[in-house]
Protein backbone atom coordinates (compact mmCIF):
# COMPACT_ATOMS: atom_id res chain seq x y z
CA MET A 1 104.12 79.39 104.48
CA LYS A 2 102.99 75.70 104.43
CA ILE A 3 101.14 74.54 101.14
CA ALA A 4 99.37 71.46 101.02
CA LEU A 5 99.95 69.80 97.49
CA GLY A 6 97.72 67.42 95.41
CA ALA A 7 97.32 65.91 92.15
CA ASP A 8 95.55 63.08 90.39
CA HIS A 9 97.39 61.14 87.64
CA GLY A 10 96.72 63.94 85.07
CA GLY A 11 98.60 66.53 87.08
CA PHE A 12 101.29 64.10 88.76
CA GLN A 13 104.21 65.41 86.60
CA LEU A 14 103.28 69.18 87.02
CA LYS A 15 102.80 68.34 90.51
CA GLU A 16 106.29 67.59 90.83
CA GLU A 17 107.38 70.51 88.83
CA ILE A 18 105.44 72.64 91.44
CA LYS A 19 106.88 71.18 94.38
CA LYS A 20 110.37 71.77 93.27
CA LEU A 21 109.45 75.46 92.89
CA LEU A 22 107.72 75.68 96.10
CA GLN A 23 110.94 74.17 97.87
CA SER A 24 113.03 76.57 95.77
CA MET A 25 111.16 79.25 97.21
CA ASN A 26 111.31 77.81 100.91
CA MET A 27 107.91 76.88 101.07
CA GLU A 28 107.17 73.71 103.34
CA VAL A 29 105.23 71.33 100.83
CA VAL A 30 103.08 68.74 102.47
CA ASP A 31 102.55 66.28 99.20
CA VAL A 32 99.20 64.17 99.84
CA GLY A 33 99.90 62.25 96.15
CA CYS A 34 99.38 60.91 93.99
CA ASP A 35 102.61 59.39 93.31
CA CYS A 36 102.14 58.07 89.60
CA GLU A 37 100.61 58.38 86.43
CA GLN A 38 98.28 55.20 86.82
CA SER A 39 94.49 56.53 86.79
CA VAL A 40 93.37 57.53 90.36
CA ASP A 41 90.31 59.50 91.49
CA TYR A 42 90.96 63.36 91.73
CA PRO A 43 88.35 63.85 94.83
CA ASP A 44 90.89 61.55 97.17
CA TYR A 45 93.33 64.12 96.79
CA ALA A 46 91.48 67.31 96.58
CA LEU A 47 89.65 66.21 100.08
CA PRO A 48 93.16 66.21 102.02
CA VAL A 49 94.44 69.42 100.78
CA ALA A 50 91.06 71.49 101.32
CA ASP A 51 90.98 69.55 104.74
CA LYS A 52 94.57 70.55 105.66
CA VAL A 53 93.74 74.24 104.54
CA ALA A 54 90.28 74.68 106.36
CA GLY A 55 91.74 72.80 109.33
CA GLY A 56 94.63 75.06 109.66
CA GLU A 57 97.36 72.74 109.13
CA CYS A 58 98.38 74.35 105.89
CA ASP A 59 98.19 78.16 105.08
CA ARG A 60 97.02 77.32 101.46
CA GLY A 61 96.65 74.54 98.82
CA ILE A 62 97.35 73.64 95.23
CA LEU A 63 95.75 71.13 93.19
CA ILE A 64 96.24 69.86 89.68
CA CYS A 65 94.24 67.70 87.40
CA GLY A 66 93.89 67.36 83.83
CA THR A 67 91.81 70.51 83.52
CA GLY A 68 91.66 71.47 87.19
CA ILE A 69 87.90 71.39 86.73
CA GLY A 70 87.13 68.43 89.09
CA MET A 71 89.72 69.36 91.53
CA SER A 72 88.12 72.65 92.12
CA ILE A 73 84.59 71.46 92.31
CA ALA A 74 85.86 68.55 94.88
CA ALA A 75 87.87 71.14 96.94
CA ASN A 76 84.86 73.80 97.04
CA LYS A 77 82.67 71.44 98.62
CA ILE A 78 84.79 71.86 102.00
CA LYS A 79 83.51 74.79 104.37
CA GLY A 80 86.01 77.36 104.31
CA ILE A 81 87.67 76.68 101.00
CA ARG A 82 87.89 79.34 98.07
CA CYS A 83 89.33 77.47 95.62
CA ALA A 84 89.95 79.13 92.23
CA LEU A 85 90.55 77.18 89.06
CA VAL A 86 93.27 79.54 87.46
CA HIS A 87 94.96 79.15 83.90
CA ASP A 88 96.40 82.77 83.37
CA LEU A 89 98.34 85.29 85.16
CA PHE A 90 95.72 88.11 85.68
CA SER A 91 93.27 85.69 87.37
CA ALA A 92 95.87 84.35 89.63
CA LYS A 93 96.26 87.85 90.91
CA ALA A 94 92.79 88.85 90.76
CA THR A 95 91.80 85.74 92.99
CA ARG A 96 93.82 86.64 95.61
CA GLU A 97 93.32 90.14 95.76
CA HIS A 98 89.43 90.12 95.36
CA ASN A 99 88.29 86.55 96.37
CA ASP A 100 91.24 85.58 98.74
CA SER A 101 91.30 82.21 97.42
CA ASN A 102 92.96 80.03 99.50
CA VAL A 103 93.23 76.81 97.21
CA LEU A 104 94.58 77.18 93.55
CA ALA A 105 93.62 74.65 90.90
CA MET A 106 95.25 74.33 88.01
CA GLY A 107 94.94 71.90 84.71
CA ALA A 108 97.99 70.42 83.50
CA ARG A 109 96.55 69.54 80.06
CA VAL A 110 95.69 73.03 79.49
CA ILE A 111 98.50 75.14 80.77
CA GLY A 112 102.38 74.24 80.40
CA PRO A 113 104.83 74.10 83.59
CA GLY A 114 106.23 77.66 82.92
CA VAL A 115 102.79 79.33 83.06
CA ALA A 116 101.98 77.01 85.97
CA GLN A 117 105.09 78.10 87.66
CA GLU A 118 104.33 82.04 86.86
CA ILE A 119 100.95 81.56 88.20
CA VAL A 120 101.96 79.77 91.48
CA LYS A 121 104.40 82.53 92.29
CA ILE A 122 102.06 85.32 91.23
CA TRP A 123 99.25 83.63 93.53
CA LEU A 124 101.54 83.05 96.76
CA GLU A 125 102.89 86.69 96.67
CA THR A 126 99.58 88.39 96.05
CA GLU A 127 97.70 89.88 99.18
CA PHE A 128 94.05 90.24 99.52
CA THR A 129 92.74 93.55 99.07
CA GLY A 130 90.17 93.44 101.77
CA GLY A 131 87.78 96.44 101.68
CA ARG A 132 84.74 95.85 99.94
CA HIS A 133 85.63 92.38 98.58
CA SER A 134 85.54 91.60 102.56
CA GLN A 135 81.73 92.06 102.73
CA ARG A 136 81.49 89.73 99.71
CA LEU A 137 83.33 86.98 101.35
CA ASP A 138 80.92 87.43 104.64
CA LYS A 139 78.15 87.05 101.99
CA ILE A 140 79.71 83.74 100.96
CA ALA A 141 80.56 82.67 104.65
CA ASP A 142 76.88 83.13 105.44
CA ILE A 143 75.72 80.79 102.46
CA GLU A 144 78.11 78.04 103.63
CA ALA A 145 76.56 78.63 106.96
CA LYS A 146 73.10 77.69 105.76
CA GLU A 147 71.96 74.61 104.67
CA HIS A 148 70.39 74.85 101.15
CA VAL A 149 68.13 72.08 99.22
């Protein structure tokens, strides 16, 4: 599986931990940055991750900032992205089973590296259930296809 990975300065250290985890799981990692703890703007990293997933270059994406909120908002502006902000194990599983999320957002100032690593493992290993959840995703796709004011 090919994973796009991005973070701002608040998520840089956790991104590096998650990158090591992904590599140990034999995942191909496309790291879009950032590469330091100096202040940067999270949309500059959310967009390339979302684009790589929406365009099919990567299978899934992981975004990390201080809270995960900004990253998830920015990523969800891209058509075809279902980015879930996750800070617990139950939600990591549910967002894959029910929402077929293709991008995961986490907050480095909210959870520690151990919990983050477990979230990533569960999120990557959990399959979409389909069934009644598919019709709900179809409704989301219909919303994306329309222009709203």
